[in-house]
């Protein structure tokens, strides 16, 4: 009986987690310093302080797109202080 209650509780928590998430991603303007999020960093994590510690790079982006074509992109996340990624 306890395991069933625990299972129901855990499932409920998992179902409620998306409710508190931002469905549109990070805001365009950083609410902490008023700058653009793409320039100052996201304040969703790290106690609300913007950070440039994570470097995001996207490769494989074509100069032009053709309708109906599929494209493969590589998204790389790297901590700024780690040389090897």
C-alpha atoms as a PDB file:
ATOM      1  CA  UNK A   1       0.000   0.000   0.000  1.00  0.00           C
ATOM      2  CA  UNK A   2       2.844   2.393   0.842  1.00  0.00           C
ATOM      3  CA  UNK A   3       4.595   1.715  -2.453  1.00  0.00           C
ATOM      4  CA  UNK A   4       1.390   2.439  -4.367  1.00  0.00           C
ATOM      5  CA  UNK A   5       0.929   5.742  -2.540  1.00  0.00           C
ATOM      6  CA  UNK A   6       4.555   6.646  -3.186  1.00  0.00           C
ATOM      7  CA  UNK A   7       4.186   5.789  -6.871  1.00  0.00           C
ATOM      8  CA  UNK A   8       1.071   7.953  -7.196  1.00  0.00           C
ATOM      9  CA  UNK A   9       2.831  10.813  -5.420  1.00  0.00           C
ATOM     10  CA  UNK A  10       5.881  10.589  -7.699  1.00  0.00           C
ATOM     11  CA  UNK A  11       3.735  10.456 -10.833  1.00  0.00           C
ATOM     12  CA  UNK A  12       1.767  13.470  -9.646  1.00  0.00           C
ATOM     13  CA  UNK A  13       4.969  15.437  -9.128  1.00  0.00           C
ATOM     14  CA  UNK A  14       6.198  14.479 -12.607  1.00  0.00           C
ATOM     15  CA  UNK A  15       2.929  15.610 -14.145  1.00  0.00           C
ATOM     16  CA  UNK A  16       2.977  18.921 -12.279  1.00  0.00           C
ATOM     17  CA  UNK A  17       6.565  19.840 -13.212  1.00  0.00           C
ATOM     18  CA  UNK A  18       5.718  21.166 -16.715  1.00  0.00           C
ATOM     19  CA  UNK A  19       3.052  23.428 -15.216  1.00  0.00           C
ATOM     20  CA  UNK A  20       5.665  25.654 -13.579  1.00  0.00           C
ATOM     21  CA  UNK A  21       7.988  25.706 -16.604  1.00  0.00           C
ATOM     22  CA  UNK A  22       8.067  28.619 -19.054  1.00  0.00           C
ATOM     23  CA  UNK A  23       6.362  27.198 -22.172  1.00  0.00           C
ATOM     24  CA  UNK A  24       7.775  29.962 -24.403  1.00  0.00           C
ATOM     25  CA  UNK A  25      11.385  29.528 -23.332  1.00  0.00           C
ATOM     26  CA  UNK A  26      13.398  32.307 -21.727  1.00  0.00           C
ATOM     27  CA  UNK A  27      12.034  35.847 -21.964  1.00  0.00           C
ATOM     28  CA  UNK A  28      13.354  38.129 -24.711  1.00  0.00           C
ATOM     29  CA  UNK A  29      14.358  40.812 -22.189  1.00  0.00           C
ATOM     30  CA  UNK A  30      16.314  39.772 -19.112  1.00  0.00           C
ATOM     31  CA  UNK A  31      14.139  40.746 -16.114  1.00  0.00           C
ATOM     32  CA  UNK A  32      17.147  41.141 -13.800  1.00  0.00           C
ATOM     33  CA  UNK A  33      19.195  43.704 -15.738  1.00  0.00           C
ATOM     34  CA  UNK A  34      16.872  44.768 -18.582  1.00  0.00           C
ATOM     35  CA  UNK A  35      19.287  43.592 -21.291  1.00  0.00           C
ATOM     36  CA  UNK A  36      18.504  41.154 -24.074  1.00  0.00           C
ATOM     37  CA  UNK A  37      18.637  37.539 -22.916  1.00  0.00           C
ATOM     38  CA  UNK A  38      20.717  36.529 -25.958  1.00  0.00           C
ATOM     39  CA  UNK A  39      23.371  39.063 -24.920  1.00  0.00           C
ATOM     40  CA  UNK A  40      23.336  38.817 -21.129  1.00  0.00           C
ATOM     41  CA  UNK A  41      22.339  35.199 -20.543  1.00  0.00           C
ATOM     42  CA  UNK A  42      19.352  33.374 -19.161  1.00  0.00           C
ATOM     43  CA  UNK A  43      18.209  33.988 -15.593  1.00  0.00           C
ATOM     44  CA  UNK A  44      16.056  30.858 -15.362  1.00  0.00           C
ATOM     45  CA  UNK A  45      18.774  28.895 -13.580  1.00  0.00           C
ATOM     46  CA  UNK A  46      21.674  29.765 -11.309  1.00  0.00           C
ATOM     47  CA  UNK A  47      19.736  31.808  -8.744  1.00  0.00           C
ATOM     48  CA  UNK A  48      18.638  34.309 -11.380  1.00  0.00           C
ATOM     49  CA  UNK A  49      22.116  35.617 -12.153  1.00  0.00           C
ATOM     50  CA  UNK A  50      22.980  35.775 -15.859  1.00  0.00           C
ATOM     51  CA  UNK A  51      26.008  33.772 -16.820  1.00  0.00           C
ATOM     52  CA  UNK A  52      28.216  33.405 -19.853  1.00  0.00           C
ATOM     53  CA  UNK A  53      29.796  30.198 -18.508  1.00  0.00           C
ATOM     54  CA  UNK A  54      28.022  28.010 -21.053  1.00  0.00           C
ATOM     55  CA  UNK A  55      28.990  28.392 -24.688  1.00  0.00           C
ATOM     56  CA  UNK A  56      26.399  27.203 -27.225  1.00  0.00           C
ATOM     57  CA  UNK A  57      27.522  26.607 -30.794  1.00  0.00           C
ATOM     58  CA  UNK A  58      25.471  25.377 -33.743  1.00  0.00           C
ATOM     59  CA  UNK A  59      27.155  23.933 -36.812  1.00  0.00           C
ATOM     60  CA  UNK A  60      25.789  22.647 -40.089  1.00  0.00           C
ATOM     61  CA  UNK A  61      23.595  25.691 -40.675  1.00  0.00           C
ATOM     62  CA  UNK A  62      23.221  26.293 -44.436  1.00  0.00           C
ATOM     63  CA  UNK A  63      23.439  29.765 -45.979  1.00  0.00           C
ATOM     64  CA  UNK A  64      20.023  29.225 -47.569  1.00  0.00           C
ATOM     65  CA  UNK A  65      17.169  26.786 -47.073  1.00  0.00           C
ATOM     66  CA  UNK A  66      15.140  24.928 -49.686  1.00  0.00           C
ATOM     67  CA  UNK A  67      11.486  24.104 -49.122  1.00  0.00           C
ATOM     68  CA  UNK A  68      10.898  20.435 -48.414  1.00  0.00           C
ATOM     69  CA  UNK A  69      14.544  19.663 -47.603  1.00  0.00           C
ATOM     70  CA  UNK A  70      15.751  18.188 -44.319  1.00  0.00           C
ATOM     71  CA  UNK A  71      18.808  19.538 -42.557  1.00  0.00           C
ATOM     72  CA  UNK A  72      21.034  18.206 -39.795  1.00  0.00           C
ATOM     73  CA  UNK A  73      22.402  20.599 -37.210  1.00  0.00           C
ATOM     74  CA  UNK A  74      24.894  19.917 -34.474  1.00  0.00           C
ATOM     75  CA  UNK A  75      24.295  21.742 -31.195  1.00  0.00           C
ATOM     76  CA  UNK A  76      27.279  21.796 -28.864  1.00  0.00           C
ATOM     77  CA  UNK A  77      27.101  22.944 -25.228  1.00  0.00           C
ATOM     78  CA  UNK A  78      30.412  23.616 -23.529  1.00  0.00           C
ATOM     79  CA  UNK A  79      31.403  25.146 -20.213  1.00  0.00           C
ATOM     80  CA  UNK A  80      33.608  28.158 -20.917  1.00  0.00           C
ATOM     81  CA  UNK A  81      36.363  27.048 -18.521  1.00  0.00           C
ATOM     82  CA  UNK A  82      36.686  23.518 -19.967  1.00  0.00           C
ATOM     83  CA  UNK A  83      38.913  23.413 -23.019  1.00  0.00           C
ATOM     84  CA  UNK A  84      37.829  19.879 -23.988  1.00  0.00           C
ATOM     85  CA  UNK A  85      34.053  20.394 -23.651  1.00  0.00           C
END
